[in-house]
Amino acid sequence: MTATTVTETPSIRFRGVRDSGLIAGRNLRVLRKNPGRMLYPLVQPLVLLVMQVSVFGNLALAGHGAGAASYREFLIPGIIIQNAALTAPTTGLALLRDAGSGRADRFRSLPMSRAAVLAGRLASDAVVFTLQAVMLLALAVPLGFRVRTGLPGMAAIAGVTVAFGLSMAVLSGWLALLINDAETAERTLYFPAIAIAFISSAFAPVGYLAGWMQPVARVNPVTAAASVIRSLAYGGGLAVPLVELTCWVAGLILIPGFLAARRWQSPD
């Protein structure tokens, strides 16, 4: 009896991890067989980076302070975070695609962890966000992005980008399940991503924004994430934006994640 208890407990404890890994592997195999689905999350960010830097990169950031980074150096971290926010809605759309194809009903009928489908989706999306971050950083360097902290700084920037992207992906997944209609979600989910990118310090310091935008921009997760990347790249105060970003990432993963798991299990 004791031996049975000992062998069963670990299986129950790690069942969620196992199930999530299986779902993540399934999602990555789907991407491998349908490489066209990678065009948006990998190609679109590179195009946006080149276009935005080419259009805005030579603008002077007058009054930003003596010895401050050029506007191009200021701008690129904001673009990197903006692209993570714009990629996040693909998580919600993928969940609705699974629901519409009947896979959701099959998953719900299986003896698996309630959160495994969402956790597996996030695990596979983490791979996509990592590839996106690495490609963006590789392209940003010849465009004028200098990471003075070297390879450790580059790795930390990629980690921040992935963490932020995943937190936004969780929020996207919950909103998509609430909407529960793929066509409506496709038109709706990108609006919050665009809004938080522009009402932030992604493209200009908070003090340069319209007065009504500034209070929102100061507490915006995009502002915190962009500030962390700038500090990692060029030095400067890291503690405050890092604490703010950590709170945002934890809150967006835990609260919408819990709600999304409940919604997925009982969509009606």
C-alpha atoms as a PDB file:
ATOM      1  CA  MET A   1       0.000   0.000   0.000  1.00  0.00           C
ATOM      2  CA  THR A   2       2.822   2.370   0.910  1.00  0.00           C
ATOM      3  CA  ALA A   3       4.650   1.606  -2.312  1.00  0.00           C
ATOM      4  CA  THR A   4       1.540   2.362  -4.336  1.00  0.00           C
ATOM      5  CA  THR A   5       1.131   5.732  -2.637  1.00  0.00           C
ATOM      6  CA  VAL A   6       4.754   6.649  -3.274  1.00  0.00           C
ATOM      7  CA  THR A   7       4.548   5.847  -6.967  1.00  0.00           C
ATOM      8  CA  GLU A   8       1.208   7.537  -7.546  1.00  0.00           C
ATOM      9  CA  THR A   9       1.970  10.825  -5.824  1.00  0.00           C
ATOM     10  CA  PRO A  10       4.754  11.912  -8.203  1.00  0.00           C
ATOM     11  CA  SER A  11       2.616  10.961 -11.207  1.00  0.00           C
ATOM     12  CA  ILE A  12      -0.204  13.199  -9.960  1.00  0.00           C
ATOM     13  CA  ARG A  13       2.220  15.968  -9.091  1.00  0.00           C
ATOM     14  CA  PHE A  14       3.932  15.997 -12.465  1.00  0.00           C
ATOM     15  CA  ARG A  15       0.942  15.124 -14.621  1.00  0.00           C
ATOM     16  CA  GLY A  16       0.292  18.788 -15.397  1.00  0.00           C
ATOM     17  CA  VAL A  17       3.898  19.281 -16.521  1.00  0.00           C
ATOM     18  CA  ARG A  18       3.758  16.158 -18.672  1.00  0.00           C
ATOM     19  CA  ASP A  19       0.443  17.128 -20.250  1.00  0.00           C
ATOM     20  CA  SER A  20       1.649  20.667 -20.924  1.00  0.00           C
ATOM     21  CA  GLY A  21       4.784  19.310 -22.575  1.00  0.00           C
ATOM     22  CA  LEU A  22       2.730  17.051 -24.827  1.00  0.00           C
ATOM     23  CA  ILE A  23       0.495  19.945 -25.880  1.00  0.00           C
ATOM     24  CA  ALA A  24       3.521  22.170 -26.518  1.00  0.00           C
ATOM     25  CA  GLY A  25       5.137  19.470 -28.663  1.00  0.00           C
ATOM     26  CA  ARG A  26       1.936  19.090 -30.630  1.00  0.00           C
ATOM     27  CA  ASN A  27       1.769  22.850 -31.249  1.00  0.00           C
ATOM     28  CA  LEU A  28       5.380  23.002 -32.419  1.00  0.00           C
ATOM     29  CA  ARG A  29       4.809  20.087 -34.803  1.00  0.00           C
ATOM     30  CA  VAL A  30       1.848  21.962 -36.275  1.00  0.00           C
ATOM     31  CA  LEU A  31       4.092  24.989 -36.859  1.00  0.00           C
ATOM     32  CA  ARG A  32       6.745  22.798 -38.474  1.00  0.00           C
ATOM     33  CA  LYS A  33       4.199  21.332 -40.868  1.00  0.00           C
ATOM     34  CA  ASN A  34       2.651  24.746 -41.560  1.00  0.00           C
ATOM     35  CA  PRO A  35       5.611  27.163 -41.707  1.00  0.00           C
ATOM     36  CA  GLY A  36       3.378  29.856 -43.185  1.00  0.00           C
ATOM     37  CA  ARG A  37       1.993  30.441 -39.678  1.00  0.00           C
ATOM     38  CA  MET A  38       5.441  31.698 -38.671  1.00  0.00           C
ATOM     39  CA  LEU A  39       5.435  34.506 -41.232  1.00  0.00           C
ATOM     40  CA  TYR A  40       3.511  36.949 -39.045  1.00  0.00           C
ATOM     41  CA  PRO A  41       5.297  36.428 -35.705  1.00  0.00           C
ATOM     42  CA  LEU A  42       8.793  36.317 -37.256  1.00  0.00           C
ATOM     43  CA  VAL A  43       8.736  38.342 -40.479  1.00  0.00           C
ATOM     44  CA  GLN A  44       6.312  41.132 -39.556  1.00  0.00           C
ATOM     45  CA  PRO A  45       8.384  42.304 -36.541  1.00  0.00           C
ATOM     46  CA  LEU A  46      11.519  42.559 -38.681  1.00  0.00           C
ATOM     47  CA  VAL A  47       9.666  44.592 -41.308  1.00  0.00           C
ATOM     48  CA  LEU A  48       8.203  46.892 -38.648  1.00  0.00           C
ATOM     49  CA  LEU A  49      11.608  47.383 -37.048  1.00  0.00           C
ATOM     50  CA  VAL A  50      13.254  48.404 -40.331  1.00  0.00           C
ATOM     51  CA  MET A  51      10.374  50.655 -41.385  1.00  0.00           C
ATOM     52  CA  GLN A  52       9.956  52.423 -38.055  1.00  0.00           C
ATOM     53  CA  VAL A  53      13.674  52.970 -37.565  1.00  0.00           C
ATOM     54  CA  SER A  54      13.988  54.222 -41.154  1.00  0.00           C
ATOM     55  CA  VAL A  55      11.105  56.674 -40.721  1.00  0.00           C
ATOM     56  CA  PHE A  56      11.644  57.852 -37.139  1.00  0.00           C
ATOM     57  CA  GLY A  57      15.222  56.862 -36.352  1.00  0.00           C
ATOM     58  CA  ASN A  58      16.884  60.109 -37.420  1.00  0.00           C
ATOM     59  CA  LEU A  59      14.629  62.365 -35.381  1.00  0.00           C
ATOM     60  CA  ALA A  60      16.428  64.359 -32.711  1.00  0.00           C
ATOM     61  CA  LEU A  61      15.280  63.873 -29.159  1.00  0.00           C
ATOM     62  CA  ALA A  62      15.776  67.510 -28.236  1.00  0.00           C
ATOM     63  CA  GLY A  63      16.025  68.232 -24.560  1.00  0.00           C
ATOM     64  CA  HIS A  64      16.261  64.569 -23.571  1.00  0.00           C
ATOM     65  CA  GLY A  65      19.418  65.375 -21.666  1.00  0.00           C
ATOM     66  CA  ALA A  66      23.152  65.722 -22.211  1.00  0.00           C
ATOM     67  CA  GLY A  67      24.891  62.444 -22.794  1.00  0.00           C
ATOM     68  CA  ALA A  68      21.631  60.578 -23.353  1.00  0.00           C
ATOM     69  CA  ALA A  69      21.342  57.916 -26.021  1.00  0.00           C
ATOM     70  CA  SER A  70      20.388  58.967 -29.505  1.00  0.00           C
ATOM     71  CA  TYR A  71      16.742  58.751 -30.466  1.00  0.00           C
ATOM     72  CA  ARG A  72      17.446  55.647 -32.485  1.00  0.00           C
ATOM     73  CA  GLU A  73      18.870  53.963 -29.400  1.00  0.00           C
ATOM     74  CA  PHE A  74      15.856  55.172 -27.423  1.00  0.00           C
ATOM     75  CA  LEU A  75      13.394  54.003 -30.069  1.00  0.00           C
ATOM     76  CA  ILE A  76      14.548  50.435 -30.771  1.00  0.00           C
ATOM     77  CA  PRO A  77      13.773  49.007 -27.279  1.00  0.00           C
ATOM     78  CA  GLY A  78      10.243  50.395 -27.624  1.00  0.00           C
ATOM     79  CA  ILE A  79       9.844  48.764 -31.033  1.00  0.00           C
ATOM     80  CA  ILE A  80      11.053  45.422 -29.665  1.00  0.00           C
ATOM     81  CA  ILE A  81       8.436  45.515 -26.897  1.00  0.00           C
ATOM     82  CA  GLN A  82       5.762  46.767 -29.302  1.00  0.00           C
ATOM     83  CA  ASN A  83       6.357  43.747 -31.529  1.00  0.00           C
ATOM     84  CA  ALA A  84       5.982  41.377 -28.580  1.00  0.00           C
ATOM     85  CA  ALA A  85       2.642  43.028 -27.743  1.00  0.00           C
ATOM     86  CA  LEU A  86       1.479  42.745 -31.363  1.00  0.00           C
ATOM     87  CA  THR A  87       2.441  39.060 -31.516  1.00  0.00           C
ATOM     88  CA  ALA A  88       0.593  38.134 -28.309  1.00  0.00           C
ATOM     89  CA  PRO A  89      -2.921  38.045 -29.898  1.00  0.00           C
ATOM     90  CA  THR A  90      -1.873  35.008 -31.946  1.00  0.00           C
ATOM     91  CA  THR A  91      -2.157  32.983 -28.719  1.00  0.00           C
ATOM     92  CA  GLY A  92      -5.829  33.821 -28.294  1.00  0.00           C
ATOM     93  CA  LEU A  93      -6.559  33.248 -31.965  1.00  0.00           C
ATOM     94  CA  ALA A  94      -4.850  29.842 -31.820  1.00  0.00           C
ATOM     95  CA  LEU A  95      -7.009  28.835 -28.849  1.00  0.00           C
ATOM     96  CA  LEU A  96     -10.154  29.794 -30.746  1.00  0.00           C
ATOM     97  CA  ARG A  97      -8.906  27.925 -33.790  1.00  0.00           C
ATOM     98  CA  ASP A  98      -8.530  24.793 -31.656  1.00  0.00           C
ATOM     99  CA  ALA A  99     -11.993  25.310 -30.201  1.00  0.00           C
ATOM    100  CA  GLY A 100     -13.551  25.752 -33.635  1.00  0.00           C
ATOM    101  CA  SER A 101     -11.894  22.638 -35.038  1.00  0.00           C
ATOM    102  CA  GLY A 102     -13.242  20.366 -32.300  1.00  0.00           C
ATOM    103  CA  ARG A 103      -9.871  19.843 -30.628  1.00  0.00           C
ATOM    104  CA  ALA A 104     -11.089  21.670 -27.534  1.00  0.00           C
ATOM    105  CA  ASP A 105     -13.821  19.095 -26.923  1.00  0.00           C
ATOM    106  CA  ARG A 106     -11.323  16.263 -27.301  1.00  0.00           C
ATOM    107  CA  PHE A 107      -8.928  17.902 -24.865  1.00  0.00           C
ATOM    108  CA  ARG A 108     -11.708  18.456 -22.327  1.00  0.00           C
ATOM    109  CA  SER A 109     -12.738  14.818 -22.529  1.00  0.00           C
ATOM    110  CA  LEU A 110      -9.235  13.573 -21.732  1.00  0.00           C
ATOM    111  CA  PRO A 111      -8.046  12.915 -18.155  1.00  0.00           C
ATOM    112  CA  MET A 112      -5.567  15.775 -18.225  1.00  0.00           C
ATOM    113  CA  SER A 113      -4.797  18.877 -16.198  1.00  0.00           C
ATOM    114  CA  ARG A 114      -7.272  21.706 -16.736  1.00  0.00           C
ATOM    115  CA  ALA A 115      -4.463  24.199 -17.327  1.00  0.00           C
ATOM    116  CA  ALA A 116      -2.376  21.924 -19.588  1.00  0.00           C
ATOM    117  CA  VAL A 117      -3.769  23.227 -22.881  1.00  0.00           C
ATOM    118  CA  LEU A 118      -3.099  26.835 -21.932  1.00  0.00           C
ATOM    119  CA  ALA A 119       0.288  26.083 -20.378  1.00  0.00           C
ATOM    120  CA  GLY A 120       1.293  24.023 -23.415  1.00  0.00           C
ATOM    121  CA  ARG A 121       0.212  26.815 -25.746  1.00  0.00           C
ATOM    122  CA  LEU A 122       2.306  29.280 -23.750  1.00  0.00           C
ATOM    123  CA  ALA A 123       5.303  26.937 -23.765  1.00  0.00           C
ATOM    124  CA  SER A 124       5.218  26.656 -27.549  1.00  0.00           C
ATOM    125  CA  ASP A 125       4.626  30.396 -27.854  1.00  0.00           C
ATOM    126  CA  ALA A 126       7.670  30.976 -25.649  1.00  0.00           C
ATOM    127  CA  VAL A 127       9.749  29.334 -28.381  1.00  0.00           C
ATOM    128  CA  VAL A 128       8.244  31.725 -30.942  1.00  0.00           C
ATOM    129  CA  PHE A 129       8.836  34.763 -28.711  1.00  0.00           C
ATOM    130  CA  THR A 130      12.436  33.662 -28.156  1.00  0.00           C
ATOM    131  CA  LEU A 131      13.101  33.310 -31.886  1.00  0.00           C
ATOM    132  CA  GLN A 132      11.471  36.688 -32.464  1.00  0.00           C
ATOM    133  CA  ALA A 133      13.577  38.383 -29.782  1.00  0.00           C
ATOM    134  CA  VAL A 134      16.829  36.893 -31.092  1.00  0.00           C
ATOM    135  CA  MET A 135      16.051  37.909 -34.675  1.00  0.00           C
ATOM    136  CA  LEU A 136      15.042  41.428 -33.665  1.00  0.00           C
ATOM    137  CA  LEU A 137      18.194  41.916 -31.610  1.00  0.00           C
ATOM    138  CA  ALA A 138      20.356  40.590 -34.434  1.00  0.00           C
ATOM    139  CA  LEU A 139      18.755  43.061 -36.852  1.00  0.00           C
ATOM    140  CA  ALA A 140      18.715  45.938 -34.357  1.00  0.00           C
ATOM    141  CA  VAL A 141      22.499  45.957 -33.938  1.00  0.00           C
ATOM    142  CA  PRO A 142      23.291  47.072 -37.521  1.00  0.00           C
ATOM    143  CA  LEU A 143      20.425  49.579 -37.234  1.00  0.00           C
ATOM    144  CA  GLY A 144      22.181  51.358 -34.364  1.00  0.00           C
ATOM    145  CA  PHE A 145      21.217  49.438 -31.217  1.00  0.00           C
ATOM    146  CA  ARG A 146      24.266  49.111 -28.978  1.00  0.00           C
ATOM    147  CA  VAL A 147      24.170  46.850 -25.942  1.00  0.00           C
ATOM    148  CA  ARG A 148      27.011  48.117 -23.783  1.00  0.00           C
ATOM    149  CA  THR A 149      26.559  45.251 -21.320  1.00  0.00           C
ATOM    150  CA  GLY A 150      27.596  42.672 -23.940  1.00  0.00           C
ATOM    151  CA  LEU A 151      26.180  39.182 -24.392  1.00  0.00           C
ATOM    152  CA  PRO A 152      24.782  38.933 -20.828  1.00  0.00           C
ATOM    153  CA  GLY A 153      22.836  42.110 -21.512  1.00  0.00           C
ATOM    154  CA  MET A 154      21.568  40.732 -24.819  1.00  0.00           C
ATOM    155  CA  ALA A 155      20.416  37.526 -23.109  1.00  0.00           C
ATOM    156  CA  ALA A 156      18.690  39.504 -20.374  1.00  0.00           C
ATOM    157  CA  ILE A 157      16.927  41.703 -22.951  1.00  0.00           C
ATOM    158  CA  ALA A 158      15.693  38.604 -24.784  1.00  0.00           C
ATOM    159  CA  GLY A 159      14.438  37.175 -21.483  1.00  0.00           C
ATOM    160  CA  VAL A 160      12.568  40.388 -20.640  1.00  0.00           C
ATOM    161  CA  THR A 161      10.987  40.432 -24.102  1.00  0.00           C
ATOM    162  CA  VAL A 162       9.843  36.812 -23.833  1.00  0.00           C
ATOM    163  CA  ALA A 163       8.432  37.304 -20.315  1.00  0.00           C
ATOM    164  CA  PHE A 164       6.533  40.402 -21.382  1.00  0.00           C
ATOM    165  CA  GLY A 165       5.253  38.700 -24.542  1.00  0.00           C
ATOM    166  CA  LEU A 166       4.007  35.687 -22.585  1.00  0.00           C
ATOM    167  CA  SER A 167       2.190  37.865 -20.058  1.00  0.00           C
ATOM    168  CA  MET A 168       0.405  39.655 -22.892  1.00  0.00           C
ATOM    169  CA  ALA A 169      -0.305  36.290 -24.533  1.00  0.00           C
ATOM    170  CA  VAL A 170      -2.073  35.085 -21.379  1.00  0.00           C
ATOM    171  CA  LEU A 171      -4.231  38.208 -21.385  1.00  0.00           C
ATOM    172  CA  SER A 172      -4.939  37.665 -25.083  1.00  0.00           C
ATOM    173  CA  GLY A 173      -5.955  34.068 -24.454  1.00  0.00           C
ATOM    174  CA  TRP A 174      -8.419  35.042 -21.745  1.00  0.00           C
ATOM    175  CA  LEU A 175      -9.958  37.838 -23.844  1.00  0.00           C
ATOM    176  CA  ALA A 176     -10.253  35.526 -26.857  1.00  0.00           C
ATOM    177  CA  LEU A 177     -12.066  32.901 -24.804  1.00  0.00           C
ATOM    178  CA  LEU A 178     -14.427  35.569 -23.477  1.00  0.00           C
ATOM    179  CA  ILE A 179     -15.183  36.781 -27.006  1.00  0.00           C
ATOM    180  CA  ASN A 180     -15.504  33.180 -28.203  1.00  0.00           C
ATOM    181  CA  ASP A 181     -15.720  34.140 -31.872  1.00  0.00           C
ATOM    182  CA  ALA A 182     -12.649  33.937 -34.095  1.00  0.00           C
ATOM    183  CA  GLU A 183     -13.682  36.655 -36.537  1.00  0.00           C
ATOM    184  CA  THR A 184     -14.575  39.142 -33.808  1.00  0.00           C
ATOM    185  CA  ALA A 185     -11.454  38.306 -31.832  1.00  0.00           C
ATOM    186  CA  GLU A 186      -9.227  38.830 -34.861  1.00  0.00           C
ATOM    187  CA  ARG A 187     -10.594  42.353 -35.207  1.00  0.00           C
ATOM    188  CA  THR A 188     -10.579  43.107 -31.482  1.00  0.00           C
ATOM    189  CA  LEU A 189      -7.474  41.640 -29.863  1.00  0.00           C
ATOM    190  CA  TYR A 190      -4.980  43.853 -31.677  1.00  0.00           C
ATOM    191  CA  PHE A 191      -6.561  47.083 -30.471  1.00  0.00           C
ATOM    192  CA  PRO A 192      -5.345  46.800 -26.839  1.00  0.00           C
ATOM    193  CA  ALA A 193      -1.858  45.875 -28.086  1.00  0.00           C
ATOM    194  CA  ILE A 194      -1.705  48.939 -30.332  1.00  0.00           C
ATOM    195  CA  ALA A 195      -3.137  51.203 -27.630  1.00  0.00           C
ATOM    196  CA  ILE A 196      -0.709  50.233 -24.874  1.00  0.00           C
ATOM    197  CA  ALA A 197       2.219  50.524 -27.299  1.00  0.00           C
ATOM    198  CA  PHE A 198       1.430  54.116 -28.224  1.00  0.00           C
ATOM    199  CA  ILE A 199       0.276  55.300 -24.781  1.00  0.00           C
ATOM    200  CA  SER A 200       3.685  54.531 -23.310  1.00  0.00           C
ATOM    201  CA  SER A 201       7.330  55.549 -23.460  1.00  0.00           C
ATOM    202  CA  ALA A 202       7.966  53.200 -26.376  1.00  0.00           C
ATOM    203  CA  PHE A 203       8.417  56.038 -28.883  1.00  0.00           C
ATOM    204  CA  ALA A 204       8.886  59.127 -26.698  1.00  0.00           C
ATOM    205  CA  PRO A 205       9.573  59.932 -23.043  1.00  0.00           C
ATOM    206  CA  VAL A 206       6.431  60.137 -20.941  1.00  0.00           C
ATOM    207  CA  GLY A 207       6.905  63.886 -20.462  1.00  0.00           C
ATOM    208  CA  TYR A 208       6.611  64.436 -24.222  1.00  0.00           C
ATOM    209  CA  LEU A 209       3.166  62.834 -24.464  1.00  0.00           C
ATOM    210  CA  ALA A 210      -0.167  64.634 -24.309  1.00  0.00           C
ATOM    211  CA  GLY A 211      -1.187  65.531 -20.778  1.00  0.00           C
ATOM    212  CA  TRP A 212      -4.045  63.022 -20.591  1.00  0.00           C
ATOM    213  CA  MET A 213      -1.733  60.224 -21.758  1.00  0.00           C
ATOM    214  CA  GLN A 214       0.972  60.730 -19.162  1.00  0.00           C
ATOM    215  CA  PRO A 215      -0.707  59.142 -16.101  1.00  0.00           C
ATOM    216  CA  VAL A 216      -1.587  56.056 -18.172  1.00  0.00           C
ATOM    217  CA  ALA A 217       1.863  55.872 -19.735  1.00  0.00           C
ATOM    218  CA  ARG A 218       3.600  55.958 -16.354  1.00  0.00           C
ATOM    219  CA  VAL A 219       1.824  52.786 -15.174  1.00  0.00           C
ATOM    220  CA  ASN A 220       1.864  51.078 -18.582  1.00  0.00           C
ATOM    221  CA  PRO A 221       3.639  47.673 -18.721  1.00  0.00           C
ATOM    222  CA  VAL A 222       5.145  48.676 -22.078  1.00  0.00           C
ATOM    223  CA  THR A 223       6.804  51.665 -20.394  1.00  0.00           C
ATOM    224  CA  ALA A 224       8.238  49.412 -17.682  1.00  0.00           C
ATOM    225  CA  ALA A 225       9.483  46.808 -20.176  1.00  0.00           C
ATOM    226  CA  ALA A 226      11.050  49.388 -22.510  1.00  0.00           C
ATOM    227  CA  SER A 227      12.740  51.092 -19.542  1.00  0.00           C
ATOM    228  CA  VAL A 228      14.183  47.775 -18.356  1.00  0.00           C
ATOM    229  CA  ILE A 229      15.611  47.069 -21.818  1.00  0.00           C
ATOM    230  CA  ARG A 230      17.155  50.549 -22.042  1.00  0.00           C
ATOM    231  CA  SER A 231      18.750  50.096 -18.625  1.00  0.00           C
ATOM    232  CA  LEU A 232      20.089  46.666 -19.572  1.00  0.00           C
ATOM    233  CA  ALA A 233      21.485  48.020 -22.826  1.00  0.00           C
ATOM    234  CA  TYR A 234      22.941  51.350 -21.763  1.00  0.00           C
ATOM    235  CA  GLY A 235      23.115  51.244 -17.971  1.00  0.00           C
ATOM    236  CA  GLY A 236      21.158  53.370 -15.560  1.00  0.00           C
ATOM    237  CA  GLY A 237      18.538  52.799 -12.902  1.00  0.00           C
ATOM    238  CA  LEU A 238      17.154  49.285 -13.237  1.00  0.00           C
ATOM    239  CA  ALA A 239      15.511  48.546  -9.899  1.00  0.00           C
ATOM    240  CA  VAL A 240      12.301  50.579 -10.195  1.00  0.00           C
ATOM    241  CA  PRO A 241      11.275  49.580 -13.765  1.00  0.00           C
ATOM    242  CA  LEU A 242      12.262  45.973 -13.048  1.00  0.00           C
ATOM    243  CA  VAL A 243       9.997  45.817  -9.983  1.00  0.00           C
ATOM    244  CA  GLU A 244       7.164  47.412 -11.973  1.00  0.00           C
ATOM    245  CA  LEU A 245       7.612  44.971 -14.844  1.00  0.00           C
ATOM    246  CA  THR A 246       7.807  41.976 -12.499  1.00  0.00           C
ATOM    247  CA  CYS A 247       4.516  42.993 -10.875  1.00  0.00           C
ATOM    248  CA  TRP A 248       2.859  43.405 -14.276  1.00  0.00           C
ATOM    249  CA  VAL A 249       4.141  40.074 -15.623  1.00  0.00           C
ATOM    250  CA  ALA A 250       3.139  38.179 -12.477  1.00  0.00           C
ATOM    251  CA  GLY A 251      -0.298  39.802 -12.372  1.00  0.00           C
ATOM    252  CA  LEU A 252      -1.037  39.236 -16.061  1.00  0.00           C
ATOM    253  CA  ILE A 253       0.048  35.608 -15.941  1.00  0.00           C
ATOM    254  CA  LEU A 254      -1.635  34.618 -12.684  1.00  0.00           C
ATOM    255  CA  ILE A 255      -4.993  36.424 -12.805  1.00  0.00           C
ATOM    256  CA  PRO A 256      -5.988  36.196 -16.506  1.00  0.00           C
ATOM    257  CA  GLY A 257      -4.294  32.780 -16.601  1.00  0.00           C
ATOM    258  CA  PHE A 258      -6.539  31.448 -13.836  1.00  0.00           C
ATOM    259  CA  LEU A 259      -9.619  32.956 -15.462  1.00  0.00           C
ATOM    260  CA  ALA A 260      -8.645  31.610 -18.888  1.00  0.00           C
ATOM    261  CA  ALA A 261      -8.154  28.091 -17.512  1.00  0.00           C
ATOM    262  CA  ARG A 262     -11.632  28.179 -15.968  1.00  0.00           C
ATOM    263  CA  ARG A 263     -13.128  29.572 -19.160  1.00  0.00           C
ATOM    264  CA  TRP A 264     -11.444  26.915 -21.282  1.00  0.00           C
ATOM    265  CA  GLN A 265     -12.762  24.099 -19.124  1.00  0.00           C
ATOM    266  CA  SER A 266     -16.346  25.375 -19.105  1.00  0.00           C
ATOM    267  CA  PRO A 267     -16.793  27.679 -22.115  1.00  0.00           C
ATOM    268  CA  ASP A 268     -20.565  27.832 -21.776  1.00  0.00           C
END
